[in-house]
Amino acid sequence: MILIKRVYEAQARSDGKRFLVERLWPRGVRKETLEGVPWLKDVAPSTALRTWFGHQVERWDEFRKRYEEELAANREAWEPLLAASRRGAITLLYSAHDVEHNGALVLQDFLRRQR
């Protein structure tokens, strides 16, 4: 099972293994809060793509397409997530305010298709 959750939400038993999948460290989150949580910067959208998207909903479909192209070209970044998901539940932690338009959703869908 591959879940997603805002990094600001409390940890739950059902989260399984948690991974931070953001290019930048989340604002207001102390490093101690996520101690033991692997930070996989390279699986996040590139800085150029993230900047271009700017959380503009009208760019969502194109963002998804471009991010999936980045993921397809960077298997070594997401393979550890896929391997962990085969052993049990994982949760992809993200920091975006928009719960319907964020990179973690794209990554979750991408990983599910890889399984």
PDB file of N, CA and C in Angstrom:
ATOM      1  N   MET A   1       0.838  -1.168   0.000  1.00  0.00           N
ATOM      2  CA  MET A   1       0.000   0.000   0.000  1.00  0.00           C
ATOM      3  C   MET A   1       0.895   1.247   0.000  1.00  0.00           C
ATOM      4  N   ILE A   2       0.562   2.188  -0.862  1.00  0.00           N
ATOM      5  CA  ILE A   2       1.316   3.429  -0.975  1.00  0.00           C
ATOM      6  C   ILE A   2       0.376   4.578  -0.610  1.00  0.00           C
ATOM      7  N   LEU A   3       0.656   5.201   0.513  1.00  0.00           N
ATOM      8  CA  LEU A   3      -0.174   6.289   1.029  1.00  0.00           C
ATOM      9  C   LEU A   3       0.564   7.613   0.871  1.00  0.00           C
ATOM     10  N   ILE A   4      -0.178   8.713   0.950  1.00  0.00           N
ATOM     11  CA  ILE A   4       0.450  10.034   1.007  1.00  0.00           C
ATOM     12  C   ILE A   4      -0.143  10.785   2.187  1.00  0.00           C
ATOM     13  N   LYS A   5       0.658  11.716   2.713  1.00  0.00           N
ATOM     14  CA  LYS A   5       0.221  12.481   3.881  1.00  0.00           C
ATOM     15  C   LYS A   5       1.032  13.764   3.957  1.00  0.00           C
ATOM     16  N   ARG A   6       0.368  14.832   4.377  1.00  0.00           N
ATOM     17  CA  ARG A   6       1.116  16.072   4.616  1.00  0.00           C
ATOM     18  C   ARG A   6       2.065  15.835   5.778  1.00  0.00           C
ATOM     19  N   VAL A   7       3.256  16.346   5.665  1.00  0.00           N
ATOM     20  CA  VAL A   7       4.299  16.156   6.662  1.00  0.00           C
ATOM     21  C   VAL A   7       3.890  16.746   8.013  1.00  0.00           C
ATOM     22  N   TYR A   8       2.942  17.662   8.005  1.00  0.00           N
ATOM     23  CA  TYR A   8       2.503  18.337   9.225  1.00  0.00           C
ATOM     24  C   TYR A   8       1.479  17.519  10.019  1.00  0.00           C
ATOM     25  N   GLU A   9       0.986  16.437   9.424  1.00  0.00           N
ATOM     26  CA  GLU A   9       0.028  15.575  10.106  1.00  0.00           C
ATOM     27  C   GLU A   9       0.758  14.616  11.038  1.00  0.00           C
ATOM     28  N   ALA A  10       0.065  14.215  12.094  1.00  0.00           N
ATOM     29  CA  ALA A  10       0.657  13.296  13.073  1.00  0.00           C
ATOM     30  C   ALA A  10       0.923  11.927  12.448  1.00  0.00           C
ATOM     31  N   GLN A  11       1.969  11.304  12.912  1.00  0.00           N
ATOM     32  CA  GLN A  11       2.307   9.951  12.463  1.00  0.00           C
ATOM     33  C   GLN A  11       1.266   8.985  12.998  1.00  0.00           C
ATOM     34  N   ALA A  12       0.940   7.978  12.188  1.00  0.00           N
ATOM     35  CA  ALA A  12      -0.013   6.946  12.581  1.00  0.00           C
ATOM     36  C   ALA A  12       0.615   5.581  12.353  1.00  0.00           C
ATOM     37  N   ARG A  13       0.161   4.602  13.091  1.00  0.00           N
ATOM     38  CA  ARG A  13       0.673   3.226  12.905  1.00  0.00           C
ATOM     39  C   ARG A  13       0.474   2.744  11.485  1.00  0.00           C
ATOM     40  N   SER A  14      -0.639   3.140  10.883  1.00  0.00           N
ATOM     41  CA  SER A  14      -0.965   2.684   9.534  1.00  0.00           C
ATOM     42  C   SER A  14      -0.052   3.286   8.460  1.00  0.00           C
ATOM     43  N   ASP A  15       0.787   4.256   8.827  1.00  0.00           N
ATOM     44  CA  ASP A  15       1.693   4.874   7.860  1.00  0.00           C
ATOM     45  C   ASP A  15       2.720   3.894   7.309  1.00  0.00           C
ATOM     46  N   GLY A  16       3.102   2.928   8.101  1.00  0.00           N
ATOM     47  CA  GLY A  16       4.185   2.047   7.671  1.00  0.00           C
ATOM     48  C   GLY A  16       5.480   2.824   7.622  1.00  0.00           C
ATOM     49  N   LYS A  17       6.337   2.504   6.674  1.00  0.00           N
ATOM     50  CA  LYS A  17       7.614   3.209   6.503  1.00  0.00           C
ATOM     51  C   LYS A  17       7.326   4.560   5.848  1.00  0.00           C
ATOM     52  N   ARG A  18       7.849   5.616   6.434  1.00  0.00           N
ATOM     53  CA  ARG A  18       7.601   6.973   5.935  1.00  0.00           C
ATOM     54  C   ARG A  18       8.821   7.512   5.196  1.00  0.00           C
ATOM     55  N   PHE A  19       8.566   8.282   4.121  1.00  0.00           N
ATOM     56  CA  PHE A  19       9.610   8.884   3.308  1.00  0.00           C
ATOM     57  C   PHE A  19       9.225  10.326   3.000  1.00  0.00           C
ATOM     58  N   LEU A  20      10.157  11.248   3.176  1.00  0.00           N
ATOM     59  CA  LEU A  20       9.946  12.634   2.775  1.00  0.00           C
ATOM     60  C   LEU A  20      10.319  12.745   1.303  1.00  0.00           C
ATOM     61  N   VAL A  21       9.371  13.175   0.482  1.00  0.00           N
ATOM     62  CA  VAL A  21       9.573  13.210  -0.973  1.00  0.00           C
ATOM     63  C   VAL A  21       9.471  14.644  -1.500  1.00  0.00           C
ATOM     64  N   GLU A  22      10.164  15.549  -0.841  1.00  0.00           N
ATOM     65  CA  GLU A  22      10.201  16.964  -1.221  1.00  0.00           C
ATOM     66  C   GLU A  22      11.625  17.361  -1.596  1.00  0.00           C
ATOM     67  N   ARG A  23      11.767  18.261  -2.530  1.00  0.00           N
ATOM     68  CA  ARG A  23      13.075  18.770  -2.930  1.00  0.00           C
ATOM     69  C   ARG A  23      13.640  19.680  -1.836  1.00  0.00           C
ATOM     70  N   LEU A  24      12.761  20.458  -1.185  1.00  0.00           N
ATOM     71  CA  LEU A  24      13.166  21.384  -0.128  1.00  0.00           C
ATOM     72  C   LEU A  24      12.646  20.895   1.218  1.00  0.00           C
ATOM     73  N   TRP A  25      13.376  21.201   2.273  1.00  0.00           N
ATOM     74  CA  TRP A  25      12.925  20.834   3.618  1.00  0.00           C
ATOM     75  C   TRP A  25      11.651  21.615   3.932  1.00  0.00           C
ATOM     76  N   PRO A  26      10.640  20.959   4.507  1.00  0.00           N
ATOM     77  CA  PRO A  26       9.362  21.625   4.796  1.00  0.00           C
ATOM     78  C   PRO A  26       9.506  22.754   5.828  1.00  0.00           C
ATOM     79  N   ARG A  27       8.882  23.860   5.543  1.00  0.00           N
ATOM     80  CA  ARG A  27       8.918  25.005   6.456  1.00  0.00           C
ATOM     81  C   ARG A  27       8.327  24.647   7.806  1.00  0.00           C
ATOM     82  N   GLY A  28       9.013  25.078   8.842  1.00  0.00           N
ATOM     83  CA  GLY A  28       8.496  24.919  10.190  1.00  0.00           C
ATOM     84  C   GLY A  28       8.641  23.532  10.785  1.00  0.00           C
ATOM     85  N   VAL A  29       9.262  22.621  10.074  1.00  0.00           N
ATOM     86  CA  VAL A  29       9.431  21.252  10.571  1.00  0.00           C
ATOM     87  C   VAL A  29      10.865  21.101  11.071  1.00  0.00           C
ATOM     88  N   ARG A  30      10.983  20.743  12.323  1.00  0.00           N
ATOM     89  CA  ARG A  30      12.310  20.526  12.894  1.00  0.00           C
ATOM     90  C   ARG A  30      12.853  19.181  12.428  1.00  0.00           C
ATOM     91  N   LYS A  31      14.142  19.137  12.219  1.00  0.00           N
ATOM     92  CA  LYS A  31      14.770  17.890  11.741  1.00  0.00           C
ATOM     93  C   LYS A  31      14.508  16.744  12.714  1.00  0.00           C
ATOM     94  N   GLU A  32      14.462  17.036  14.004  1.00  0.00           N
ATOM     95  CA  GLU A  32      14.213  15.992  15.001  1.00  0.00           C
ATOM     96  C   GLU A  32      12.836  15.351  14.825  1.00  0.00           C
ATOM     97  N   THR A  33      11.883  16.119  14.307  1.00  0.00           N
ATOM     98  CA  THR A  33      10.528  15.611  14.095  1.00  0.00           C
ATOM     99  C   THR A  33      10.520  14.447  13.105  1.00  0.00           C
ATOM    100  N   LEU A  34      11.406  14.520  12.131  1.00  0.00           N
ATOM    101  CA  LEU A  34      11.452  13.487  11.094  1.00  0.00           C
ATOM    102  C   LEU A  34      12.694  12.611  11.203  1.00  0.00           C
ATOM    103  N   GLU A  35      13.216  12.522  12.401  1.00  0.00           N
ATOM    104  CA  GLU A  35      14.392  11.673  12.619  1.00  0.00           C
ATOM    105  C   GLU A  35      14.072  10.239  12.210  1.00  0.00           C
ATOM    106  N   GLY A  36      14.940   9.661  11.422  1.00  0.00           N
ATOM    107  CA  GLY A  36      14.744   8.291  10.958  1.00  0.00           C
ATOM    108  C   GLY A  36      13.911   8.178   9.689  1.00  0.00           C
ATOM    109  N   VAL A  37      13.387   9.299   9.208  1.00  0.00           N
ATOM    110  CA  VAL A  37      12.596   9.302   7.974  1.00  0.00           C
ATOM    111  C   VAL A  37      13.536   9.643   6.817  1.00  0.00           C
ATOM    112  N   PRO A  38      13.726   8.736   5.877  1.00  0.00           N
ATOM    113  CA  PRO A  38      14.603   9.041   4.743  1.00  0.00           C
ATOM    114  C   PRO A  38      14.059  10.219   3.927  1.00  0.00           C
ATOM    115  N   TRP A  39      14.952  11.137   3.554  1.00  0.00           N
ATOM    116  CA  TRP A  39      14.598  12.296   2.734  1.00  0.00           C
ATOM    117  C   TRP A  39      15.085  12.013   1.328  1.00  0.00           C
ATOM    118  N   LEU A  40      14.159  11.738   0.427  1.00  0.00           N
ATOM    119  CA  LEU A  40      14.487  11.381  -0.952  1.00  0.00           C
ATOM    120  C   LEU A  40      14.275  12.584  -1.869  1.00  0.00           C
ATOM    121  N   LYS A  41      15.196  13.522  -1.827  1.00  0.00           N
ATOM    122  CA  LYS A  41      15.106  14.757  -2.621  1.00  0.00           C
ATOM    123  C   LYS A  41      15.043  14.466  -4.121  1.00  0.00           C
ATOM    124  N   ASP A  42      15.815  13.474  -4.545  1.00  0.00           N
ATOM    125  CA  ASP A  42      15.944  13.223  -5.981  1.00  0.00           C
ATOM    126  C   ASP A  42      14.696  12.639  -6.628  1.00  0.00           C
ATOM    127  N   VAL A  43      13.750  12.173  -5.825  1.00  0.00           N
ATOM    128  CA  VAL A  43      12.517  11.639  -6.390  1.00  0.00           C
ATOM    129  C   VAL A  43      11.475  12.754  -6.578  1.00  0.00           C
ATOM    130  N   ALA A  44      11.717  13.895  -5.977  1.00  0.00           N
ATOM    131  CA  ALA A  44      10.803  15.038  -6.089  1.00  0.00           C
ATOM    132  C   ALA A  44      10.942  15.692  -7.462  1.00  0.00           C
ATOM    133  N   PRO A  45       9.945  16.480  -7.854  1.00  0.00           N
ATOM    134  CA  PRO A  45      10.075  17.201  -9.128  1.00  0.00           C
ATOM    135  C   PRO A  45      11.321  18.085  -9.112  1.00  0.00           C
ATOM    136  N   SER A  46      11.936  18.239 -10.269  1.00  0.00           N
ATOM    137  CA  SER A  46      13.126  19.085 -10.376  1.00  0.00           C
ATOM    138  C   SER A  46      12.785  20.507  -9.950  1.00  0.00           C
ATOM    139  N   THR A  47      13.812  21.243  -9.583  1.00  0.00           N
ATOM    140  CA  THR A  47      13.610  22.640  -9.195  1.00  0.00           C
ATOM    141  C   THR A  47      12.970  23.427 -10.332  1.00  0.00           C
ATOM    142  N   ALA A  48      13.426  23.208 -11.546  1.00  0.00           N
ATOM    143  CA  ALA A  48      12.868  23.926 -12.696  1.00  0.00           C
ATOM    144  C   ALA A  48      11.381  23.609 -12.869  1.00  0.00           C
ATOM    145  N   LEU A  49      11.007  22.337 -12.751  1.00  0.00           N
ATOM    146  CA  LEU A  49       9.605  21.955 -12.922  1.00  0.00           C
ATOM    147  C   LEU A  49       8.751  22.493 -11.779  1.00  0.00           C
ATOM    148  N   ARG A  50       9.246  22.368 -10.568  1.00  0.00           N
ATOM    149  CA  ARG A  50       8.511  22.859  -9.396  1.00  0.00           C
ATOM    150  C   ARG A  50       8.271  24.358  -9.511  1.00  0.00           C
ATOM    151  N   THR A  51       9.300  25.096  -9.932  1.00  0.00           N
ATOM    152  CA  THR A  51       9.182  26.546 -10.084  1.00  0.00           C
ATOM    153  C   THR A  51       8.194  26.894 -11.187  1.00  0.00           C
ATOM    154  N   TRP A  52       8.283  26.192 -12.313  1.00  0.00           N
ATOM    155  CA  TRP A  52       7.362  26.439 -13.419  1.00  0.00           C
ATOM    156  C   TRP A  52       5.916  26.199 -12.985  1.00  0.00           C
ATOM    157  N   PHE A  53       5.665  25.106 -12.291  1.00  0.00           N
ATOM    158  CA  PHE A  53       4.303  24.768 -11.861  1.00  0.00           C
ATOM    159  C   PHE A  53       3.754  25.830 -10.913  1.00  0.00           C
ATOM    160  N   GLY A  54       4.523  26.182  -9.903  1.00  0.00           N
ATOM    161  CA  GLY A  54       4.105  27.221  -8.971  1.00  0.00           C
ATOM    162  C   GLY A  54       2.745  26.996  -8.342  1.00  0.00           C
ATOM    163  N   HIS A  55       2.300  25.757  -8.278  1.00  0.00           N
ATOM    164  CA  HIS A  55       0.991  25.376  -7.727  1.00  0.00           C
ATOM    165  C   HIS A  55      -0.163  26.106  -8.420  1.00  0.00           C
ATOM    166  N   GLN A  56       0.020  26.352  -9.715  1.00  0.00           N
ATOM    167  CA  GLN A  56      -1.039  26.941 -10.520  1.00  0.00           C
ATOM    168  C   GLN A  56      -1.876  25.802 -11.089  1.00  0.00           C
ATOM    169  N   VAL A  57      -3.089  25.687 -10.613  1.00  0.00           N
ATOM    170  CA  VAL A  57      -3.946  24.552 -10.949  1.00  0.00           C
ATOM    171  C   VAL A  57      -4.123  24.391 -12.463  1.00  0.00           C
ATOM    172  N   GLU A  58      -4.137  25.478 -13.191  1.00  0.00           N
ATOM    173  CA  GLU A  58      -4.322  25.384 -14.644  1.00  0.00           C
ATOM    174  C   GLU A  58      -3.136  24.695 -15.325  1.00  0.00           C
ATOM    175  N   ARG A  59      -2.018  24.553 -14.627  1.00  0.00           N
ATOM    176  CA  ARG A  59      -0.844  23.863 -15.163  1.00  0.00           C
ATOM    177  C   ARG A  59      -0.751  22.409 -14.677  1.00  0.00           C
ATOM    178  N   TRP A  60      -1.732  21.950 -13.928  1.00  0.00           N
ATOM    179  CA  TRP A  60      -1.676  20.644 -13.289  1.00  0.00           C
ATOM    180  C   TRP A  60      -1.454  19.497 -14.277  1.00  0.00           C
ATOM    181  N   ASP A  61      -2.247  19.432 -15.334  1.00  0.00           N
ATOM    182  CA  ASP A  61      -2.133  18.315 -16.278  1.00  0.00           C
ATOM    183  C   ASP A  61      -0.748  18.271 -16.922  1.00  0.00           C
ATOM    184  N   GLU A  62      -0.231  19.427 -17.299  1.00  0.00           N
ATOM    185  CA  GLU A  62       1.102  19.482 -17.900  1.00  0.00           C
ATOM    186  C   GLU A  62       2.177  19.149 -16.869  1.00  0.00           C
ATOM    187  N   PHE A  63       1.980  19.591 -15.627  1.00  0.00           N
ATOM    188  CA  PHE A  63       2.914  19.262 -14.547  1.00  0.00           C
ATOM    189  C   PHE A  63       2.992  17.748 -14.362  1.00  0.00           C
ATOM    190  N   ARG A  64       1.834  17.104 -14.288  1.00  0.00           N
ATOM    191  CA  ARG A  64       1.801  15.635 -14.140  1.00  0.00           C
ATOM    192  C   ARG A  64       2.602  14.963 -15.246  1.00  0.00           C
ATOM    193  N   LYS A  65       2.347  15.375 -16.459  1.00  0.00           N
ATOM    194  CA  LYS A  65       3.029  14.779 -17.623  1.00  0.00           C
ATOM    195  C   LYS A  65       4.542  14.960 -17.513  1.00  0.00           C
ATOM    196  N   ARG A  66       4.972  16.180 -17.236  1.00  0.00           N
ATOM    197  CA  ARG A  66       6.412  16.459 -17.162  1.00  0.00           C
ATOM    198  C   ARG A  66       7.074  15.732 -15.989  1.00  0.00           C
ATOM    199  N   TYR A  67       6.381  15.692 -14.857  1.00  0.00           N
ATOM    200  CA  TYR A  67       6.952  15.022 -13.694  1.00  0.00           C
ATOM    201  C   TYR A  67       7.057  13.521 -13.947  1.00  0.00           C
ATOM    202  N   GLU A  68       6.070  12.919 -14.556  1.00  0.00           N
ATOM    203  CA  GLU A  68       6.143  11.495 -14.876  1.00  0.00           C
ATOM    204  C   GLU A  68       7.286  11.211 -15.851  1.00  0.00           C
ATOM    205  N   GLU A  69       7.565  12.138 -16.750  1.00  0.00           N
ATOM    206  CA  GLU A  69       8.704  11.972 -17.658  1.00  0.00           C
ATOM    207  C   GLU A  69      10.015  12.013 -16.861  1.00  0.00           C
ATOM    208  N   GLU A  70      10.096  12.914 -15.893  1.00  0.00           N
ATOM    209  CA  GLU A  70      11.283  12.964 -15.031  1.00  0.00           C
ATOM    210  C   GLU A  70      11.445  11.659 -14.260  1.00  0.00           C
ATOM    211  N   LEU A  71      10.348  11.157 -13.735  1.00  0.00           N
ATOM    212  CA  LEU A  71      10.410   9.908 -12.969  1.00  0.00           C
ATOM    213  C   LEU A  71      10.845   8.739 -13.855  1.00  0.00           C
ATOM    214  N   ALA A  72      10.293   8.657 -15.044  1.00  0.00           N
ATOM    215  CA  ALA A  72      10.640   7.562 -15.960  1.00  0.00           C
ATOM    216  C   ALA A  72      12.131   7.559 -16.271  1.00  0.00           C
ATOM    217  N   ALA A  73      12.745   8.727 -16.280  1.00  0.00           N
ATOM    218  CA  ALA A  73      14.168   8.840 -16.593  1.00  0.00           C
ATOM    219  C   ALA A  73      15.063   8.701 -15.359  1.00  0.00           C
ATOM    220  N   ASN A  74      14.469   8.484 -14.195  1.00  0.00           N
ATOM    221  CA  ASN A  74      15.238   8.479 -12.945  1.00  0.00           C
ATOM    222  C   ASN A  74      14.839   7.305 -12.041  1.00  0.00           C
ATOM    223  N   ARG A  75      14.898   6.123 -12.593  1.00  0.00           N
ATOM    224  CA  ARG A  75      14.463   4.928 -11.862  1.00  0.00           C
ATOM    225  C   ARG A  75      15.177   4.746 -10.519  1.00  0.00           C
ATOM    226  N   GLU A  76      16.462   5.058 -10.462  1.00  0.00           N
ATOM    227  CA  GLU A  76      17.210   4.854  -9.221  1.00  0.00           C
ATOM    228  C   GLU A  76      16.678   5.708  -8.070  1.00  0.00           C
ATOM    229  N   ALA A  77      15.981   6.791  -8.383  1.00  0.00           N
ATOM    230  CA  ALA A  77      15.423   7.645  -7.328  1.00  0.00           C
ATOM    231  C   ALA A  77      14.184   7.022  -6.687  1.00  0.00           C
ATOM    232  N   TRP A  78      13.329   6.375  -7.497  1.00  0.00           N
ATOM    233  CA  TRP A  78      12.072   5.847  -6.960  1.00  0.00           C
ATOM    234  C   TRP A  78      12.084   4.346  -6.690  1.00  0.00           C
ATOM    235  N   GLU A  79      13.073   3.645  -7.176  1.00  0.00           N
ATOM    236  CA  GLU A  79      13.134   2.193  -6.951  1.00  0.00           C
ATOM    237  C   GLU A  79      13.110   1.816  -5.466  1.00  0.00           C
ATOM    238  N   PRO A  80      13.818   2.544  -4.570  1.00  0.00           N
ATOM    239  CA  PRO A  80      13.740   2.192  -3.145  1.00  0.00           C
ATOM    240  C   PRO A  80      12.319   2.294  -2.580  1.00  0.00           C
ATOM    241  N   LEU A  81      11.538   3.219  -3.096  1.00  0.00           N
ATOM    242  CA  LEU A  81      10.142   3.345  -2.645  1.00  0.00           C
ATOM    243  C   LEU A  81       9.327   2.140  -3.096  1.00  0.00           C
ATOM    244  N   LEU A  82       9.532   1.756  -4.322  1.00  0.00           N
ATOM    245  CA  LEU A  82       8.807   0.599  -4.852  1.00  0.00           C
ATOM    246  C   LEU A  82       9.182  -0.663  -4.079  1.00  0.00           C
ATOM    247  N   ALA A  83      10.461  -0.838  -3.824  1.00  0.00           N
ATOM    248  CA  ALA A  83      10.916  -2.005  -3.063  1.00  0.00           C
ATOM    249  C   ALA A  83      10.318  -2.007  -1.664  1.00  0.00           C
ATOM    250  N   ALA A  84      10.307  -0.856  -1.006  1.00  0.00           N
ATOM    251  CA  ALA A  84       9.730  -0.773   0.342  1.00  0.00           C
ATOM    252  C   ALA A  84       8.235  -1.059   0.319  1.00  0.00           C
ATOM    253  N   SER A  85       7.544  -0.627  -0.726  1.00  0.00           N
ATOM    254  CA  SER A  85       6.097  -0.854  -0.806  1.00  0.00           C
ATOM    255  C   SER A  85       5.763  -2.332  -0.997  1.00  0.00           C
ATOM    256  N   ARG A  86       6.700  -3.090  -1.520  1.00  0.00           N
ATOM    257  CA  ARG A  86       6.479  -4.530  -1.682  1.00  0.00           C
ATOM    258  C   ARG A  86       6.598  -5.269  -0.355  1.00  0.00           C
ATOM    259  N   ARG A  87       7.267  -4.628   0.613  1.00  0.00           N
ATOM    260  CA  ARG A  87       7.437  -5.233   1.939  1.00  0.00           C
ATOM    261  C   ARG A  87       6.353  -4.824   2.931  1.00  0.00           C
ATOM    262  N   GLY A  88       5.604  -3.771   2.601  1.00  0.00           N
ATOM    263  CA  GLY A  88       4.557  -3.285   3.501  1.00  0.00           C
ATOM    264  C   GLY A  88       4.127  -1.887   3.122  1.00  0.00           C
ATOM    265  N   ALA A  89       3.275  -1.325   3.942  1.00  0.00           N
ATOM    266  CA  ALA A  89       2.752   0.019   3.675  1.00  0.00           C
ATOM    267  C   ALA A  89       3.876   1.049   3.752  1.00  0.00           C
ATOM    268  N   ILE A  90       3.796   2.032   2.855  1.00  0.00           N
ATOM    269  CA  ILE A  90       4.695   3.181   2.921  1.00  0.00           C
ATOM    270  C   ILE A  90       3.849   4.446   2.825  1.00  0.00           C
ATOM    271  N   THR A  91       4.377   5.533   3.378  1.00  0.00           N
ATOM    272  CA  THR A  91       3.711   6.828   3.284  1.00  0.00           C
ATOM    273  C   THR A  91       4.686   7.844   2.723  1.00  0.00           C
ATOM    274  N   LEU A  92       4.245   8.531   1.682  1.00  0.00           N
ATOM    275  CA  LEU A  92       5.018   9.584   1.052  1.00  0.00           C
ATOM    276  C   LEU A  92       4.620  10.900   1.708  1.00  0.00           C
ATOM    277  N   LEU A  93       5.566  11.552   2.351  1.00  0.00           N
ATOM    278  CA  LEU A  93       5.292  12.801   3.052  1.00  0.00           C
ATOM    279  C   LEU A  93       5.594  13.989   2.146  1.00  0.00           C
ATOM    280  N   TYR A  94       4.661  14.917   2.089  1.00  0.00           N
ATOM    281  CA  TYR A  94       4.819  16.121   1.277  1.00  0.00           C
ATOM    282  C   TYR A  94       4.405  17.337   2.094  1.00  0.00           C
ATOM    283  N   SER A  95       4.773  18.531   1.607  1.00  0.00           N
ATOM    284  CA  SER A  95       4.482  19.729   2.388  1.00  0.00           C
ATOM    285  C   SER A  95       3.512  20.701   1.724  1.00  0.00           C
ATOM    286  N   ALA A  96       3.119  20.465   0.492  1.00  0.00           N
ATOM    287  CA  ALA A  96       2.225  21.392  -0.213  1.00  0.00           C
ATOM    288  C   ALA A  96       0.899  21.564   0.527  1.00  0.00           C
ATOM    289  N   HIS A  97       0.354  22.760   0.438  1.00  0.00           N
ATOM    290  CA  HIS A  97      -0.950  23.034   1.064  1.00  0.00           C
ATOM    291  C   HIS A  97      -2.089  22.386   0.272  1.00  0.00           C
ATOM    292  N   ASP A  98      -1.935  22.326  -1.026  1.00  0.00           N
ATOM    293  CA  ASP A  98      -2.979  21.788  -1.899  1.00  0.00           C
ATOM    294  C   ASP A  98      -2.916  20.264  -1.881  1.00  0.00           C
ATOM    295  N   VAL A  99      -3.935  19.657  -1.308  1.00  0.00           N
ATOM    296  CA  VAL A  99      -3.940  18.197  -1.174  1.00  0.00           C
ATOM    297  C   VAL A  99      -4.407  17.492  -2.452  1.00  0.00           C
ATOM    298  N   GLU A 100      -4.887  18.256  -3.432  1.00  0.00           N
ATOM    299  CA  GLU A 100      -5.377  17.667  -4.677  1.00  0.00           C
ATOM    300  C   GLU A 100      -4.434  17.869  -5.855  1.00  0.00           C
ATOM    301  N   HIS A 101      -3.430  18.736  -5.694  1.00  0.00           N
ATOM    302  CA  HIS A 101      -2.503  19.050  -6.783  1.00  0.00           C
ATOM    303  C   HIS A 101      -1.101  19.175  -6.211  1.00  0.00           C
ATOM    304  N   ASN A 102      -0.420  18.044  -6.075  1.00  0.00           N
ATOM    305  CA  ASN A 102       0.948  18.070  -5.541  1.00  0.00           C
ATOM    306  C   ASN A 102       1.745  16.895  -6.097  1.00  0.00           C
ATOM    307  N   GLY A 103       3.043  17.013  -5.997  1.00  0.00           N
ATOM    308  CA  GLY A 103       3.927  16.001  -6.551  1.00  0.00           C
ATOM    309  C   GLY A 103       3.757  14.628  -5.937  1.00  0.00           C
ATOM    310  N   ALA A 104       3.409  14.563  -4.659  1.00  0.00           N
ATOM    311  CA  ALA A 104       3.240  13.261  -4.001  1.00  0.00           C
ATOM    312  C   ALA A 104       2.109  12.459  -4.640  1.00  0.00           C
ATOM    313  N   LEU A 105       1.058  13.129  -5.082  1.00  0.00           N
ATOM    314  CA  LEU A 105      -0.037  12.431  -5.764  1.00  0.00           C
ATOM    315  C   LEU A 105       0.443  11.803  -7.071  1.00  0.00           C
ATOM    316  N   VAL A 106       1.226  12.560  -7.809  1.00  0.00           N
ATOM    317  CA  VAL A 106       1.762  12.056  -9.077  1.00  0.00           C
ATOM    318  C   VAL A 106       2.683  10.879  -8.802  1.00  0.00           C
ATOM    319  N   LEU A 107       3.551  11.026  -7.819  1.00  0.00           N
ATOM    320  CA  LEU A 107       4.480   9.953  -7.464  1.00  0.00           C
ATOM    321  C   LEU A 107       3.729   8.703  -7.012  1.00  0.00           C
ATOM    322  N   GLN A 108       2.710   8.876  -6.197  1.00  0.00           N
ATOM    323  CA  GLN A 108       1.908   7.743  -5.737  1.00  0.00           C
ATOM    324  C   GLN A 108       1.300   6.993  -6.927  1.00  0.00           C
ATOM    325  N   ASP A 109       0.674   7.714  -7.849  1.00  0.00           N
ATOM    326  CA  ASP A 109       0.084   7.079  -9.032  1.00  0.00           C
ATOM    327  C   ASP A 109       1.137   6.382  -9.877  1.00  0.00           C
ATOM    328  N   PHE A 110       2.273   7.035 -10.048  1.00  0.00           N
ATOM    329  CA  PHE A 110       3.357   6.476 -10.840  1.00  0.00           C
ATOM    330  C   PHE A 110       3.840   5.157 -10.226  1.00  0.00           C
ATOM    331  N   LEU A 111       4.069   5.164  -8.915  1.00  0.00           N
ATOM    332  CA  LEU A 111       4.554   3.964  -8.240  1.00  0.00           C
ATOM    333  C   LEU A 111       3.545   2.825  -8.296  1.00  0.00           C
ATOM    334  N   ARG A 112       2.278   3.151  -8.138  1.00  0.00           N
ATOM    335  CA  ARG A 112       1.226   2.125  -8.226  1.00  0.00           C
ATOM    336  C   ARG A 112       1.225   1.465  -9.600  1.00  0.00           C
ATOM    337  N   ARG A 113       1.443   2.236 -10.633  1.00  0.00           N
ATOM    338  CA  ARG A 113       1.485   1.657 -11.984  1.00  0.00           C
ATOM    339  C   ARG A 113       2.712   0.784 -12.184  1.00  0.00           C
ATOM    340  N   GLN A 114       3.803   1.093 -11.487  1.00  0.00           N
ATOM    341  CA  GLN A 114       5.033   0.302 -11.607  1.00  0.00           C
ATOM    342  C   GLN A 114       4.888  -1.062 -10.943  1.00  0.00           C
ATOM    343  N   ARG A 115       4.032  -1.164  -9.946  1.00  0.00           N
ATOM    344  CA  ARG A 115       3.831  -2.427  -9.229  1.00  0.00           C
ATOM    345  C   ARG A 115       3.126  -3.382 -10.146  1.00  0.00           C
TER     346      ARG A 115
END
